[in-house]
Amino acid sequence: MSTTLNRLAAVIESRKPENGGDPDKSYVARLFAKGDDAILKKIGEEATETVMAAKDVRAGADASKLLYEVADLWFHSAVLLARFGLTPEQVLDELARREGLSGLDEKAARKQD
């Protein structure tokens, strides 16, 4: 796994209230304290901002704007994963499992589950 993602996951874990995260001192601890809906709301906001940035880049804006928004989306997704006891490494493992599979076949297999 990327060392950056590994470090990020460790920091997020350390910010959980049960690990001593203080909502008065940490944005991530505050998200955890507010609960699932706050985290989900942030992901929705960041996903929308990512879409808007992509449209701006398509219209000629600097591509770094898209990178910034995707980084925010990935960050908040990592917070959500941690909330449910999952890790970025597990996401990478799932992507590796899908490697070489037809996207259409993989999607069809999900419908059978």
C-alpha atoms as a PDB file:
ATOM      1  CA  MET A   1       0.000   0.000   0.000  1.00  0.00           C
ATOM      2  CA  SER A   2       1.119   3.548  -0.573  1.00  0.00           C
ATOM      3  CA  THR A   3       3.060   4.816   2.415  1.00  0.00           C
ATOM      4  CA  THR A   4       1.070   8.046   2.197  1.00  0.00           C
ATOM      5  CA  LEU A   5      -2.231   6.179   2.463  1.00  0.00           C
ATOM      6  CA  ASN A   6      -0.815   4.048   5.261  1.00  0.00           C
ATOM      7  CA  ARG A   7       0.234   7.132   7.227  1.00  0.00           C
ATOM      8  CA  LEU A   8      -3.102   8.815   6.557  1.00  0.00           C
ATOM      9  CA  ALA A   9      -5.019   5.767   7.803  1.00  0.00           C
ATOM     10  CA  ALA A  10      -2.905   5.692  10.975  1.00  0.00           C
ATOM     11  CA  VAL A  11      -3.535   9.375  11.688  1.00  0.00           C
ATOM     12  CA  ILE A  12      -7.269   8.964  11.100  1.00  0.00           C
ATOM     13  CA  GLU A  13      -7.321   5.976  13.494  1.00  0.00           C
ATOM     14  CA  SER A  14      -5.539   8.052  16.123  1.00  0.00           C
ATOM     15  CA  ARG A  15      -8.246  10.718  15.845  1.00  0.00           C
ATOM     16  CA  LYS A  16     -11.115   8.376  16.719  1.00  0.00           C
ATOM     17  CA  PRO A  17     -12.678   9.315  20.070  1.00  0.00           C
ATOM     18  CA  GLU A  18     -11.941   5.841  21.461  1.00  0.00           C
ATOM     19  CA  ASN A  19      -8.259   6.441  20.665  1.00  0.00           C
ATOM     20  CA  GLY A  20      -8.161   9.825  22.383  1.00  0.00           C
ATOM     21  CA  GLY A  21      -9.166  12.048  19.471  1.00  0.00           C
ATOM     22  CA  ASP A  22     -10.308  15.434  20.742  1.00  0.00           C
ATOM     23  CA  PRO A  23     -13.065  17.150  18.718  1.00  0.00           C
ATOM     24  CA  ASP A  24     -11.876  20.531  20.004  1.00  0.00           C
ATOM     25  CA  LYS A  25      -8.412  19.970  18.523  1.00  0.00           C
ATOM     26  CA  SER A  26      -8.974  17.749  15.479  1.00  0.00           C
ATOM     27  CA  TYR A  27     -11.188  18.114  12.427  1.00  0.00           C
ATOM     28  CA  VAL A  28     -11.287  14.326  12.005  1.00  0.00           C
ATOM     29  CA  ALA A  29     -12.197  13.779  15.667  1.00  0.00           C
ATOM     30  CA  ARG A  30     -14.984  16.341  15.223  1.00  0.00           C
ATOM     31  CA  LEU A  31     -16.314  14.449  12.195  1.00  0.00           C
ATOM     32  CA  PHE A  32     -16.284  11.188  14.155  1.00  0.00           C
ATOM     33  CA  ALA A  33     -18.043  12.890  17.086  1.00  0.00           C
ATOM     34  CA  LYS A  34     -20.761  14.241  14.786  1.00  0.00           C
ATOM     35  CA  GLY A  35     -21.439  10.741  13.457  1.00  0.00           C
ATOM     36  CA  ASP A  36     -21.977   8.949  10.198  1.00  0.00           C
ATOM     37  CA  ASP A  37     -24.280  11.518   8.658  1.00  0.00           C
ATOM     38  CA  ALA A  38     -21.700  14.301   9.020  1.00  0.00           C
ATOM     39  CA  ILE A  39     -19.082  12.147   7.303  1.00  0.00           C
ATOM     40  CA  LEU A  40     -21.520  11.173   4.552  1.00  0.00           C
ATOM     41  CA  LYS A  41     -22.501  14.807   4.040  1.00  0.00           C
ATOM     42  CA  LYS A  42     -18.837  15.765   3.595  1.00  0.00           C
ATOM     43  CA  ILE A  43     -18.352  12.998   1.041  1.00  0.00           C
ATOM     44  CA  GLY A  44     -21.373  14.243  -0.872  1.00  0.00           C
ATOM     45  CA  GLU A  45     -20.008  17.791  -0.829  1.00  0.00           C
ATOM     46  CA  GLU A  46     -16.549  16.669  -1.912  1.00  0.00           C
ATOM     47  CA  ALA A  47     -17.954  14.451  -4.684  1.00  0.00           C
ATOM     48  CA  THR A  48     -19.950  17.401  -6.016  1.00  0.00           C
ATOM     49  CA  GLU A  49     -16.894  19.660  -5.839  1.00  0.00           C
ATOM     50  CA  THR A  50     -14.884  17.006  -7.699  1.00  0.00           C
ATOM     51  CA  VAL A  51     -17.458  16.894 -10.484  1.00  0.00           C
ATOM     52  CA  MET A  52     -17.507  20.688 -10.715  1.00  0.00           C
ATOM     53  CA  ALA A  53     -13.693  20.826 -10.813  1.00  0.00           C
ATOM     54  CA  ALA A  54     -13.604  18.236 -13.603  1.00  0.00           C
ATOM     55  CA  LYS A  55     -16.037  20.327 -15.595  1.00  0.00           C
ATOM     56  CA  ASP A  56     -13.905  23.406 -14.991  1.00  0.00           C
ATOM     57  CA  VAL A  57     -10.772  21.562 -16.148  1.00  0.00           C
ATOM     58  CA  ARG A  58     -12.635  20.362 -19.217  1.00  0.00           C
ATOM     59  CA  ALA A  59     -13.403  24.021 -19.931  1.00  0.00           C
ATOM     60  CA  GLY A  60      -9.742  24.974 -19.628  1.00  0.00           C
ATOM     61  CA  ALA A  61      -9.071  25.469 -15.906  1.00  0.00           C
ATOM     62  CA  ASP A  62      -5.811  24.298 -14.351  1.00  0.00           C
ATOM     63  CA  ALA A  63      -5.912  20.529 -13.724  1.00  0.00           C
ATOM     64  CA  SER A  64      -4.461  21.045 -10.243  1.00  0.00           C
ATOM     65  CA  LYS A  65      -7.953  22.143  -9.177  1.00  0.00           C
ATOM     66  CA  LEU A  66      -9.189  18.627  -9.919  1.00  0.00           C
ATOM     67  CA  LEU A  67      -6.291  17.053  -8.008  1.00  0.00           C
ATOM     68  CA  TYR A  68      -7.112  19.187  -4.974  1.00  0.00           C
ATOM     69  CA  GLU A  69     -10.768  18.137  -4.980  1.00  0.00           C
ATOM     70  CA  VAL A  70     -10.004  14.451  -5.551  1.00  0.00           C
ATOM     71  CA  ALA A  71      -7.574  14.594  -2.615  1.00  0.00           C
ATOM     72  CA  ASP A  72     -10.392  15.981  -0.445  1.00  0.00           C
ATOM     73  CA  LEU A  73     -12.728  13.234  -1.652  1.00  0.00           C
ATOM     74  CA  TRP A  74     -10.173  10.496  -0.974  1.00  0.00           C
ATOM     75  CA  PHE A  75      -9.440  11.955   2.457  1.00  0.00           C
ATOM     76  CA  HIS A  76     -13.078  11.989   3.514  1.00  0.00           C
ATOM     77  CA  SER A  77     -13.548   8.514   2.028  1.00  0.00           C
ATOM     78  CA  ALA A  78     -10.674   7.317   4.229  1.00  0.00           C
ATOM     79  CA  VAL A  79     -12.458   8.803   7.251  1.00  0.00           C
ATOM     80  CA  LEU A  80     -15.617   6.910   6.291  1.00  0.00           C
ATOM     81  CA  LEU A  81     -13.693   3.671   5.844  1.00  0.00           C
ATOM     82  CA  ALA A  82     -12.155   4.094   9.299  1.00  0.00           C
ATOM     83  CA  ARG A  83     -15.578   4.767  10.796  1.00  0.00           C
ATOM     84  CA  PHE A  84     -16.612   1.284   9.695  1.00  0.00           C
ATOM     85  CA  GLY A  85     -13.345  -0.444  10.586  1.00  0.00           C
ATOM     86  CA  LEU A  86     -12.071  -0.592   7.007  1.00  0.00           C
ATOM     87  CA  THR A  87      -8.788   0.624   5.530  1.00  0.00           C
ATOM     88  CA  PRO A  88      -7.491   2.111   2.289  1.00  0.00           C
ATOM     89  CA  GLU A  89      -5.406  -1.060   1.951  1.00  0.00           C
ATOM     90  CA  GLN A  90      -8.603  -3.084   1.722  1.00  0.00           C
ATOM     91  CA  VAL A  91      -9.797  -0.842  -1.093  1.00  0.00           C
ATOM     92  CA  LEU A  92      -6.496  -1.383  -2.908  1.00  0.00           C
ATOM     93  CA  ASP A  93      -6.870  -5.142  -2.354  1.00  0.00           C
ATOM     94  CA  GLU A  94     -10.339  -5.006  -3.884  1.00  0.00           C
ATOM     95  CA  LEU A  95      -9.010  -3.091  -6.885  1.00  0.00           C
ATOM     96  CA  ALA A  96      -6.242  -5.679  -7.263  1.00  0.00           C
ATOM     97  CA  ARG A  97      -8.840  -8.455  -7.123  1.00  0.00           C
ATOM     98  CA  ARG A  98     -10.687  -6.793 -10.006  1.00  0.00           C
ATOM     99  CA  GLU A  99      -7.548  -6.317 -12.085  1.00  0.00           C
ATOM    100  CA  GLY A 100      -7.844  -8.119 -15.383  1.00  0.00           C
ATOM    101  CA  LEU A 101     -11.606  -8.566 -15.034  1.00  0.00           C
ATOM    102  CA  SER A 102     -13.931  -7.033 -17.513  1.00  0.00           C
ATOM    103  CA  GLY A 103     -15.742  -4.162 -15.823  1.00  0.00           C
ATOM    104  CA  LEU A 104     -18.965  -5.347 -17.412  1.00  0.00           C
ATOM    105  CA  ASP A 105     -18.452  -8.902 -16.131  1.00  0.00           C
ATOM    106  CA  GLU A 106     -17.540  -7.677 -12.645  1.00  0.00           C
ATOM    107  CA  LYS A 107     -20.643  -5.480 -12.478  1.00  0.00           C
ATOM    108  CA  ALA A 108     -22.850  -8.345 -13.680  1.00  0.00           C
ATOM    109  CA  ALA A 109     -21.393 -10.629 -10.993  1.00  0.00           C
ATOM    110  CA  ARG A 110     -22.329  -8.070  -8.298  1.00  0.00           C
ATOM    111  CA  LYS A 111     -25.966  -8.187  -9.429  1.00  0.00           C
ATOM    112  CA  GLN A 112     -26.014 -11.957  -8.781  1.00  0.00           C
ATOM    113  CA  ASP A 113     -24.889 -11.464  -5.169  1.00  0.00           C
END
